[in-house]
Amino acid sequence: MAIRPVLKMGTPSLLQQSEPVQAFDTPELHALIVDLFDTMHATDGVGIAAPQIGINLQVVIFGFDANPRYPHAAPVPPTVLINPVITPLSQELEEGWEGCLSVPGLRGEVPRYTRIRYQGFDAQGQVIDREVDGFHARVVQHECDHLWGILYPQRIRDMTRFGYTDVLFPGLPDTPDE
């Protein structure tokens, strides 16, 4: 369908709560999902949320086999997750480096739950219920934060662990539009 412009930090709508999807398996929802995948792939993302392309709905997508921005990350299955609920399965948090298509050129160390259960629906309205850990859990938490108006810099505890990707990690690619 289309590669959509990704909204950047500072855009007021990125700080708003998203609305739940009311109707599944519609042409409009399928078109949105195609646009999200097209945009994610074009920007070498590992996930993207509808608010990042200006759509205030609880829709995220994620997944990859390999990604140049996260060369050591284990694969995550391609997933469409609608109206998600996240439940930590442990109170254990792990600090990890994150980037974001809406915060281009920067990385920060962010605490995330190490193990989570995520529930929601796919595009047809079928239930999704998974327990995951590691990078998969980090990606889901990051993308779902977008639905609640949270960008990863808001979760950073130590601002000395936040900076430009090319300074922190020379040679690591970031989004291609930089």
N, C-alpha and C. Protein backbone atom coordinates (compact mmCIF):
# COMPACT_ATOMS: atom_id res chain seq x y z
N MET A 1 0.82 -1.20 0.00
CA MET A 1 0.00 0.00 0.00
C MET A 1 0.86 1.26 0.00
N ALA A 2 1.41 1.62 1.24
CA ALA A 2 2.15 2.88 1.28
C ALA A 2 3.13 2.91 2.44
N ILE A 3 4.26 3.54 2.19
CA ILE A 3 5.20 3.86 3.25
C ILE A 3 4.77 5.21 3.79
N ARG A 4 4.46 5.26 5.06
CA ARG A 4 3.92 6.47 5.67
C ARG A 4 5.03 7.23 6.41
N PRO A 5 4.92 8.55 6.49
CA PRO A 5 5.88 9.31 7.30
C PRO A 5 5.73 8.91 8.78
N VAL A 6 6.86 8.78 9.46
CA VAL A 6 6.85 8.45 10.88
C VAL A 6 6.92 9.76 11.68
N LEU A 7 5.96 9.94 12.58
CA LEU A 7 5.95 11.13 13.42
C LEU A 7 7.12 11.08 14.40
N LYS A 8 7.67 12.25 14.69
CA LYS A 8 8.84 12.32 15.56
C LYS A 8 8.47 12.89 16.93
N MET A 9 9.32 12.53 17.91
CA MET A 9 9.16 13.03 19.27
C MET A 9 8.99 14.54 19.22
N GLY A 10 8.04 15.04 19.97
CA GLY A 10 7.68 16.45 19.94
C GLY A 10 6.31 16.64 19.31
N THR A 11 5.86 15.67 18.52
CA THR A 11 4.52 15.72 17.94
C THR A 11 3.52 15.42 19.06
N PRO A 12 2.60 16.35 19.36
CA PRO A 12 1.70 16.17 20.50
C PRO A 12 0.90 14.86 20.48
N SER A 13 0.49 14.41 19.31
CA SER A 13 -0.34 13.20 19.26
C SER A 13 0.38 11.95 19.74
N LEU A 14 1.72 11.95 19.73
CA LEU A 14 2.47 10.79 20.22
C LEU A 14 2.34 10.62 21.73
N LEU A 15 1.85 11.64 22.41
CA LEU A 15 1.70 11.58 23.86
C LEU A 15 0.26 11.31 24.29
N GLN A 16 -0.60 10.98 23.34
CA GLN A 16 -2.01 10.70 23.64
C GLN A 16 -2.27 9.21 23.78
N GLN A 17 -3.29 8.87 24.55
CA GLN A 17 -3.75 7.49 24.64
C GLN A 17 -4.48 7.14 23.35
N SER A 18 -4.27 5.93 22.86
CA SER A 18 -4.94 5.48 21.64
C SER A 18 -6.28 4.84 21.96
N GLU A 19 -7.16 4.86 20.99
CA GLU A 19 -8.50 4.29 21.13
C GLU A 19 -8.47 2.81 20.77
N PRO A 20 -9.27 1.99 21.47
CA PRO A 20 -9.36 0.57 21.09
C PRO A 20 -9.99 0.40 19.71
N VAL A 21 -9.58 -0.63 19.01
CA VAL A 21 -10.20 -0.98 17.74
C VAL A 21 -11.56 -1.60 18.05
N GLN A 22 -12.57 -1.15 17.35
CA GLN A 22 -13.94 -1.64 17.57
C GLN A 22 -14.36 -2.68 16.54
N ALA A 23 -13.84 -2.56 15.31
CA ALA A 23 -14.26 -3.45 14.23
C ALA A 23 -13.04 -4.15 13.64
N PHE A 24 -13.09 -5.48 13.61
CA PHE A 24 -11.99 -6.28 13.08
C PHE A 24 -12.30 -6.73 11.66
N ASP A 25 -11.24 -7.16 10.96
CA ASP A 25 -11.36 -7.74 9.62
C ASP A 25 -12.06 -6.81 8.63
N THR A 26 -11.74 -5.52 8.72
CA THR A 26 -12.31 -4.53 7.80
C THR A 26 -11.25 -4.13 6.78
N PRO A 27 -11.67 -3.65 5.61
CA PRO A 27 -10.68 -3.17 4.63
C PRO A 27 -9.79 -2.06 5.20
N GLU A 28 -10.35 -1.17 6.01
CA GLU A 28 -9.58 -0.08 6.58
C GLU A 28 -8.50 -0.60 7.54
N LEU A 29 -8.86 -1.57 8.37
CA LEU A 29 -7.89 -2.13 9.30
C LEU A 29 -6.78 -2.87 8.55
N HIS A 30 -7.15 -3.64 7.53
CA HIS A 30 -6.14 -4.36 6.75
C HIS A 30 -5.21 -3.40 6.02
N ALA A 31 -5.76 -2.29 5.50
CA ALA A 31 -4.93 -1.29 4.82
C ALA A 31 -3.95 -0.64 5.80
N LEU A 32 -4.42 -0.35 7.02
CA LEU A 32 -3.55 0.22 8.04
C LEU A 32 -2.39 -0.74 8.35
N ILE A 33 -2.71 -2.02 8.49
CA ILE A 33 -1.68 -3.02 8.82
C ILE A 33 -0.65 -3.13 7.70
N VAL A 34 -1.10 -3.13 6.46
CA VAL A 34 -0.17 -3.16 5.33
C VAL A 34 0.74 -1.93 5.36
N ASP A 35 0.16 -0.75 5.61
CA ASP A 35 0.97 0.47 5.69
C ASP A 35 1.98 0.39 6.83
N LEU A 36 1.57 -0.18 7.97
CA LEU A 36 2.51 -0.33 9.09
C LEU A 36 3.67 -1.25 8.71
N PHE A 37 3.38 -2.39 8.10
CA PHE A 37 4.46 -3.30 7.69
C PHE A 37 5.34 -2.66 6.64
N ASP A 38 4.75 -1.98 5.64
CA ASP A 38 5.55 -1.31 4.62
C ASP A 38 6.48 -0.27 5.24
N THR A 39 5.95 0.51 6.17
CA THR A 39 6.74 1.56 6.82
C THR A 39 7.83 0.96 7.70
N MET A 40 7.48 -0.08 8.47
CA MET A 40 8.47 -0.72 9.33
C MET A 40 9.63 -1.29 8.50
N HIS A 41 9.30 -1.99 7.42
CA HIS A 41 10.36 -2.58 6.60
C HIS A 41 11.22 -1.52 5.91
N ALA A 42 10.59 -0.44 5.46
CA ALA A 42 11.34 0.61 4.76
C ALA A 42 12.29 1.36 5.69
N THR A 43 12.01 1.34 6.99
CA THR A 43 12.84 2.07 7.95
C THR A 43 13.72 1.15 8.79
N ASP A 44 13.77 -0.15 8.44
CA ASP A 44 14.54 -1.13 9.20
C ASP A 44 14.11 -1.21 10.66
N GLY A 45 12.82 -1.02 10.90
CA GLY A 45 12.31 -1.14 12.25
C GLY A 45 12.08 -2.59 12.63
N VAL A 46 11.94 -2.82 13.93
CA VAL A 46 11.57 -4.15 14.42
C VAL A 46 10.11 -4.16 14.88
N GLY A 47 9.51 -2.99 14.90
CA GLY A 47 8.10 -2.84 15.26
C GLY A 47 7.68 -1.41 15.01
N ILE A 48 6.38 -1.20 14.98
CA ILE A 48 5.84 0.16 14.83
C ILE A 48 4.40 0.14 15.32
N ALA A 49 3.96 1.26 15.84
CA ALA A 49 2.61 1.40 16.36
C ALA A 49 1.83 2.40 15.50
N ALA A 50 0.54 2.19 15.41
CA ALA A 50 -0.31 3.07 14.59
C ALA A 50 -0.15 4.55 14.94
N PRO A 51 -0.02 4.93 16.23
CA PRO A 51 0.15 6.36 16.52
C PRO A 51 1.39 6.97 15.87
N GLN A 52 2.40 6.15 15.58
CA GLN A 52 3.62 6.68 14.97
C GLN A 52 3.39 7.13 13.53
N ILE A 53 2.31 6.67 12.91
CA ILE A 53 1.98 7.16 11.57
C ILE A 53 0.69 7.99 11.61
N GLY A 54 0.36 8.47 12.80
CA GLY A 54 -0.75 9.42 12.93
C GLY A 54 -2.13 8.80 13.09
N ILE A 55 -2.21 7.52 13.38
CA ILE A 55 -3.50 6.84 13.54
C ILE A 55 -3.67 6.50 15.02
N ASN A 56 -4.66 7.08 15.65
CA ASN A 56 -4.85 6.95 17.10
C ASN A 56 -5.66 5.70 17.46
N LEU A 57 -5.14 4.54 17.05
CA LEU A 57 -5.78 3.26 17.35
C LEU A 57 -4.79 2.32 18.01
N GLN A 58 -5.30 1.39 18.82
CA GLN A 58 -4.47 0.42 19.53
C GLN A 58 -4.07 -0.74 18.61
N VAL A 59 -3.15 -0.43 17.70
CA VAL A 59 -2.64 -1.42 16.76
C VAL A 59 -1.11 -1.29 16.74
N VAL A 60 -0.43 -2.41 17.00
CA VAL A 60 1.02 -2.47 16.84
C VAL A 60 1.36 -3.67 15.98
N ILE A 61 2.48 -3.58 15.32
CA ILE A 61 3.03 -4.73 14.60
C ILE A 61 4.50 -4.83 14.99
N PHE A 62 5.02 -6.04 14.91
CA PHE A 62 6.44 -6.24 15.19
C PHE A 62 6.85 -7.57 14.60
N GLY A 63 8.15 -7.76 14.50
CA GLY A 63 8.67 -9.03 14.03
C GLY A 63 9.77 -8.86 13.00
N PHE A 64 10.73 -9.82 13.02
CA PHE A 64 11.84 -9.79 12.08
C PHE A 64 12.61 -11.10 12.21
N ASP A 65 13.34 -11.44 11.16
CA ASP A 65 14.27 -12.57 11.22
C ASP A 65 15.64 -12.07 11.66
N ALA A 66 16.08 -10.98 11.04
CA ALA A 66 17.34 -10.33 11.39
C ALA A 66 17.15 -8.84 11.13
N ASN A 67 17.86 -8.00 11.89
CA ASN A 67 17.69 -6.57 11.72
C ASN A 67 19.05 -5.88 11.92
N PRO A 68 19.46 -5.02 10.96
CA PRO A 68 20.76 -4.36 11.06
C PRO A 68 20.86 -3.39 12.24
N ARG A 69 19.73 -2.86 12.71
CA ARG A 69 19.76 -1.95 13.86
C ARG A 69 19.93 -2.69 15.18
N TYR A 70 19.59 -3.99 15.19
CA TYR A 70 19.73 -4.83 16.39
C TYR A 70 20.37 -6.14 15.97
N PRO A 71 21.66 -6.09 15.59
CA PRO A 71 22.30 -7.26 14.97
C PRO A 71 22.40 -8.50 15.87
N HIS A 72 22.32 -8.33 17.18
CA HIS A 72 22.47 -9.47 18.08
C HIS A 72 21.13 -9.98 18.62
N ALA A 73 20.04 -9.39 18.18
CA ALA A 73 18.72 -9.77 18.68
C ALA A 73 18.24 -11.06 18.03
N ALA A 74 17.62 -11.90 18.85
CA ALA A 74 17.01 -13.13 18.35
C ALA A 74 15.78 -12.78 17.52
N PRO A 75 15.44 -13.60 16.52
CA PRO A 75 14.25 -13.33 15.70
C PRO A 75 12.98 -13.26 16.55
N VAL A 76 12.04 -12.46 16.07
CA VAL A 76 10.73 -12.31 16.69
C VAL A 76 9.70 -12.57 15.59
N PRO A 77 8.70 -13.43 15.83
CA PRO A 77 7.74 -13.74 14.76
C PRO A 77 6.91 -12.52 14.37
N PRO A 78 6.65 -12.35 13.07
CA PRO A 78 5.80 -11.24 12.63
C PRO A 78 4.42 -11.34 13.30
N THR A 79 4.01 -10.23 13.91
CA THR A 79 2.78 -10.23 14.69
C THR A 79 2.02 -8.93 14.50
N VAL A 80 0.71 -9.06 14.38
CA VAL A 80 -0.21 -7.93 14.47
C VAL A 80 -0.90 -8.08 15.82
N LEU A 81 -0.82 -7.05 16.66
CA LEU A 81 -1.40 -7.10 17.99
C LEU A 81 -2.31 -5.90 18.18
N ILE A 82 -3.57 -6.18 18.44
CA ILE A 82 -4.60 -5.14 18.54
C ILE A 82 -5.21 -5.17 19.94
N ASN A 83 -5.45 -4.01 20.50
CA ASN A 83 -6.03 -3.85 21.84
C ASN A 83 -5.27 -4.68 22.87
N PRO A 84 -3.95 -4.48 22.97
CA PRO A 84 -3.13 -5.34 23.83
C PRO A 84 -3.30 -5.09 25.32
N VAL A 85 -3.03 -6.15 26.06
CA VAL A 85 -2.89 -6.10 27.52
C VAL A 85 -1.57 -6.81 27.83
N ILE A 86 -0.74 -6.17 28.64
CA ILE A 86 0.55 -6.74 29.03
C ILE A 86 0.52 -7.03 30.53
N THR A 87 0.93 -8.24 30.88
CA THR A 87 1.03 -8.64 32.28
C THR A 87 2.45 -9.11 32.55
N PRO A 88 3.17 -8.45 33.48
CA PRO A 88 4.51 -8.96 33.83
C PRO A 88 4.38 -10.33 34.49
N LEU A 89 5.28 -11.25 34.14
CA LEU A 89 5.29 -12.58 34.73
C LEU A 89 6.35 -12.69 35.82
N SER A 90 7.08 -11.61 36.01
CA SER A 90 8.11 -11.52 37.03
C SER A 90 8.29 -10.03 37.30
N GLN A 91 8.73 -9.70 38.48
CA GLN A 91 9.03 -8.29 38.77
C GLN A 91 10.45 -7.91 38.36
N GLU A 92 11.18 -8.90 37.82
CA GLU A 92 12.56 -8.65 37.40
C GLU A 92 12.59 -7.72 36.19
N LEU A 93 13.41 -6.68 36.31
CA LEU A 93 13.62 -5.73 35.23
C LEU A 93 15.04 -5.90 34.70
N GLU A 94 15.20 -5.62 33.41
CA GLU A 94 16.52 -5.66 32.80
C GLU A 94 16.70 -4.39 31.99
N GLU A 95 17.86 -3.75 32.17
CA GLU A 95 18.20 -2.58 31.38
C GLU A 95 18.65 -3.05 30.00
N GLY A 96 18.21 -2.37 28.95
CA GLY A 96 18.62 -2.71 27.60
C GLY A 96 18.55 -1.48 26.71
N TRP A 97 19.38 -1.48 25.68
CA TRP A 97 19.43 -0.34 24.75
C TRP A 97 18.25 -0.40 23.80
N GLU A 98 17.60 0.74 23.61
CA GLU A 98 16.49 0.85 22.68
C GLU A 98 16.67 2.07 21.80
N GLY A 99 16.12 1.95 20.61
CA GLY A 99 15.98 3.07 19.70
C GLY A 99 14.52 3.14 19.31
N CYS A 100 14.19 4.10 18.50
CA CYS A 100 12.79 4.27 18.10
C CYS A 100 12.72 5.06 16.80
N LEU A 101 11.84 4.62 15.92
CA LEU A 101 11.67 5.34 14.66
C LEU A 101 11.18 6.77 14.87
N SER A 102 10.50 7.02 16.00
CA SER A 102 10.02 8.37 16.32
C SER A 102 11.05 9.21 17.06
N VAL A 103 12.18 8.60 17.41
CA VAL A 103 13.27 9.30 18.09
C VAL A 103 14.55 8.97 17.32
N PRO A 104 14.61 9.37 16.04
CA PRO A 104 15.70 8.93 15.17
C PRO A 104 17.07 9.42 15.63
N GLY A 105 18.04 8.53 15.47
CA GLY A 105 19.42 8.88 15.74
C GLY A 105 19.84 8.75 17.18
N LEU A 106 18.92 8.40 18.08
CA LEU A 106 19.23 8.32 19.50
C LEU A 106 18.99 6.91 20.03
N ARG A 107 19.69 6.56 21.09
CA ARG A 107 19.49 5.30 21.81
C ARG A 107 19.54 5.60 23.30
N GLY A 108 18.82 4.78 24.04
CA GLY A 108 18.85 4.92 25.49
C GLY A 108 18.70 3.58 26.16
N GLU A 109 19.22 3.48 27.38
CA GLU A 109 19.11 2.25 28.15
C GLU A 109 17.83 2.33 28.99
N VAL A 110 16.95 1.36 28.75
CA VAL A 110 15.59 1.39 29.30
C VAL A 110 15.33 0.12 30.11
N PRO A 111 14.76 0.26 31.32
CA PRO A 111 14.39 -0.94 32.08
C PRO A 111 13.07 -1.50 31.54
N ARG A 112 13.02 -2.81 31.38
CA ARG A 112 11.80 -3.50 30.94
C ARG A 112 11.66 -4.81 31.71
N TYR A 113 10.43 -5.26 31.86
CA TYR A 113 10.21 -6.57 32.45
C TYR A 113 10.86 -7.63 31.57
N THR A 114 11.48 -8.61 32.21
CA THR A 114 12.18 -9.65 31.46
C THR A 114 11.23 -10.69 30.88
N ARG A 115 10.11 -10.93 31.55
CA ARG A 115 9.12 -11.92 31.09
C ARG A 115 7.73 -11.31 31.18
N ILE A 116 6.98 -11.42 30.09
CA ILE A 116 5.61 -10.88 30.07
C ILE A 116 4.65 -11.85 29.40
N ARG A 117 3.40 -11.63 29.65
CA ARG A 117 2.31 -12.25 28.90
C ARG A 117 1.64 -11.12 28.15
N TYR A 118 1.45 -11.30 26.86
CA TYR A 118 0.66 -10.30 26.13
C TYR A 118 -0.54 -10.96 25.51
N GLN A 119 -1.65 -10.23 25.60
CA GLN A 119 -2.92 -10.70 25.08
C GLN A 119 -3.52 -9.59 24.22
N GLY A 120 -4.32 -9.99 23.29
CA GLY A 120 -4.99 -9.04 22.41
C GLY A 120 -5.62 -9.82 21.27
N PHE A 121 -5.68 -9.19 20.12
CA PHE A 121 -6.35 -9.78 18.97
C PHE A 121 -5.52 -9.57 17.71
N ASP A 122 -5.72 -10.45 16.73
CA ASP A 122 -5.11 -10.24 15.43
C ASP A 122 -6.10 -9.45 14.56
N ALA A 123 -5.78 -9.26 13.30
CA ALA A 123 -6.61 -8.44 12.41
C ALA A 123 -8.01 -9.01 12.18
N GLN A 124 -8.14 -10.32 12.33
CA GLN A 124 -9.45 -10.96 12.13
C GLN A 124 -10.25 -11.02 13.42
N GLY A 125 -9.67 -10.57 14.52
CA GLY A 125 -10.36 -10.61 15.81
C GLY A 125 -10.11 -11.89 16.58
N GLN A 126 -9.15 -12.71 16.12
CA GLN A 126 -8.80 -13.93 16.84
C GLN A 126 -7.90 -13.58 18.03
N VAL A 127 -8.10 -14.29 19.13
CA VAL A 127 -7.35 -14.02 20.35
C VAL A 127 -5.88 -14.40 20.19
N ILE A 128 -5.02 -13.53 20.70
CA ILE A 128 -3.58 -13.78 20.82
C ILE A 128 -3.28 -13.81 22.31
N ASP A 129 -2.55 -14.82 22.75
CA ASP A 129 -2.19 -14.96 24.16
C ASP A 129 -0.83 -15.65 24.20
N ARG A 130 0.23 -14.88 24.48
CA ARG A 130 1.60 -15.42 24.45
C ARG A 130 2.37 -15.02 25.69
N GLU A 131 3.28 -15.89 26.09
CA GLU A 131 4.25 -15.59 27.13
C GLU A 131 5.62 -15.55 26.48
N VAL A 132 6.34 -14.44 26.69
CA VAL A 132 7.62 -14.24 26.02
C VAL A 132 8.64 -13.62 26.98
N ASP A 133 9.90 -13.70 26.56
CA ASP A 133 10.96 -13.08 27.35
C ASP A 133 11.98 -12.47 26.40
N GLY A 134 13.06 -11.95 26.97
CA GLY A 134 14.16 -11.42 26.17
C GLY A 134 13.76 -10.23 25.29
N PHE A 135 14.40 -10.18 24.12
CA PHE A 135 14.17 -9.05 23.21
C PHE A 135 12.72 -9.00 22.73
N HIS A 136 12.09 -10.16 22.56
CA HIS A 136 10.68 -10.21 22.16
C HIS A 136 9.84 -9.44 23.18
N ALA A 137 10.05 -9.69 24.47
CA ALA A 137 9.30 -8.99 25.52
C ALA A 137 9.59 -7.49 25.48
N ARG A 138 10.85 -7.13 25.24
CA ARG A 138 11.23 -5.71 25.17
C ARG A 138 10.51 -5.01 24.03
N VAL A 139 10.49 -5.64 22.86
CA VAL A 139 9.85 -5.02 21.69
C VAL A 139 8.35 -4.81 21.94
N VAL A 140 7.69 -5.81 22.49
CA VAL A 140 6.25 -5.69 22.75
C VAL A 140 5.99 -4.54 23.72
N GLN A 141 6.76 -4.47 24.81
CA GLN A 141 6.56 -3.38 25.78
C GLN A 141 6.80 -2.02 25.15
N HIS A 142 7.86 -1.92 24.35
CA HIS A 142 8.18 -0.65 23.69
C HIS A 142 7.04 -0.22 22.77
N GLU A 143 6.59 -1.13 21.91
CA GLU A 143 5.53 -0.77 20.95
C GLU A 143 4.22 -0.44 21.65
N CYS A 144 3.87 -1.21 22.66
CA CYS A 144 2.62 -0.94 23.37
C CYS A 144 2.67 0.37 24.15
N ASP A 145 3.86 0.78 24.60
CA ASP A 145 3.99 2.09 25.23
C ASP A 145 3.46 3.20 24.32
N HIS A 146 3.69 3.06 23.01
CA HIS A 146 3.20 4.08 22.06
C HIS A 146 1.68 4.23 22.16
N LEU A 147 0.98 3.14 22.44
CA LEU A 147 -0.48 3.19 22.52
C LEU A 147 -0.95 3.94 23.76
N TRP A 148 -0.07 4.05 24.74
CA TRP A 148 -0.40 4.73 25.99
C TRP A 148 0.27 6.10 26.09
N GLY A 149 0.81 6.57 24.96
CA GLY A 149 1.40 7.91 24.91
C GLY A 149 2.75 8.03 25.58
N ILE A 150 3.50 6.93 25.62
CA ILE A 150 4.82 6.93 26.26
C ILE A 150 5.90 6.65 25.22
N LEU A 151 6.93 7.50 25.19
CA LEU A 151 8.10 7.28 24.36
C LEU A 151 9.23 6.81 25.26
N TYR A 152 10.11 5.96 24.73
CA TYR A 152 11.11 5.32 25.57
C TYR A 152 11.98 6.29 26.38
N PRO A 153 12.31 7.51 25.90
CA PRO A 153 13.12 8.39 26.75
C PRO A 153 12.45 8.71 28.09
N GLN A 154 11.12 8.63 28.14
CA GLN A 154 10.41 8.88 29.39
C GLN A 154 10.67 7.78 30.43
N ARG A 155 11.16 6.63 30.00
CA ARG A 155 11.42 5.51 30.90
C ARG A 155 12.90 5.41 31.31
N ILE A 156 13.76 6.19 30.71
CA ILE A 156 15.19 6.12 31.02
C ILE A 156 15.42 6.62 32.45
N ARG A 157 16.17 5.85 33.21
CA ARG A 157 16.47 6.21 34.61
C ARG A 157 17.75 7.02 34.73
N ASP A 158 18.71 6.74 33.87
CA ASP A 158 20.03 7.38 33.95
C ASP A 158 20.31 8.06 32.61
N MET A 159 20.16 9.37 32.59
CA MET A 159 20.29 10.10 31.33
C MET A 159 21.73 10.10 30.79
N THR A 160 22.70 9.62 31.55
CA THR A 160 24.04 9.45 31.00
C THR A 160 24.08 8.25 30.06
N ARG A 161 23.01 7.46 30.05
CA ARG A 161 22.89 6.27 29.19
C ARG A 161 21.91 6.56 28.05
N PHE A 162 21.93 7.78 27.54
CA PHE A 162 21.06 8.23 26.46
C PHE A 162 21.90 9.13 25.56
N GLY A 163 21.90 8.83 24.26
CA GLY A 163 22.69 9.67 23.38
C GLY A 163 22.52 9.28 21.93
N TYR A 164 23.31 9.90 21.10
CA TYR A 164 23.25 9.65 19.66
C TYR A 164 23.86 8.29 19.34
N THR A 165 23.17 7.56 18.49
CA THR A 165 23.59 6.21 18.12
C THR A 165 25.00 6.21 17.54
N ASP A 166 25.31 7.18 16.68
CA ASP A 166 26.63 7.18 16.03
C ASP A 166 27.76 7.48 17.01
N VAL A 167 27.45 8.08 18.14
CA VAL A 167 28.46 8.34 19.17
C VAL A 167 28.57 7.14 20.11
N LEU A 168 27.42 6.61 20.53
CA LEU A 168 27.41 5.47 21.46
C LEU A 168 27.88 4.18 20.80
N PHE A 169 27.47 3.98 19.55
CA PHE A 169 27.73 2.72 18.83
C PHE A 169 28.22 3.03 17.42
N PRO A 170 29.44 3.50 17.26
CA PRO A 170 29.94 3.83 15.92
C PRO A 170 29.80 2.62 14.98
N GLY A 171 29.28 2.87 13.80
CA GLY A 171 29.14 1.82 12.80
C GLY A 171 27.81 1.10 12.83
N LEU A 172 27.00 1.31 13.87
CA LEU A 172 25.69 0.67 13.92
C LEU A 172 24.70 1.54 13.14
N PRO A 173 24.00 0.95 12.17
CA PRO A 173 23.06 1.76 11.38
C PRO A 173 21.84 2.16 12.20
N ASP A 174 21.29 3.29 11.87
CA ASP A 174 20.02 3.72 12.44
C ASP A 174 19.05 3.88 11.28
N THR A 175 18.00 4.60 11.46
CA THR A 175 17.00 4.71 10.40
C THR A 175 17.62 5.35 9.15
N PRO A 176 17.19 4.91 7.95
CA PRO A 176 17.82 5.35 6.72
C PRO A 176 17.58 6.81 6.36
N ASP A 177 16.62 7.49 7.00
CA ASP A 177 16.34 8.86 6.62
C ASP A 177 17.25 9.86 7.33
N GLU A 178 18.23 9.37 8.05
CA GLU A 178 19.11 10.30 8.76
C GLU A 178 20.33 10.66 7.93
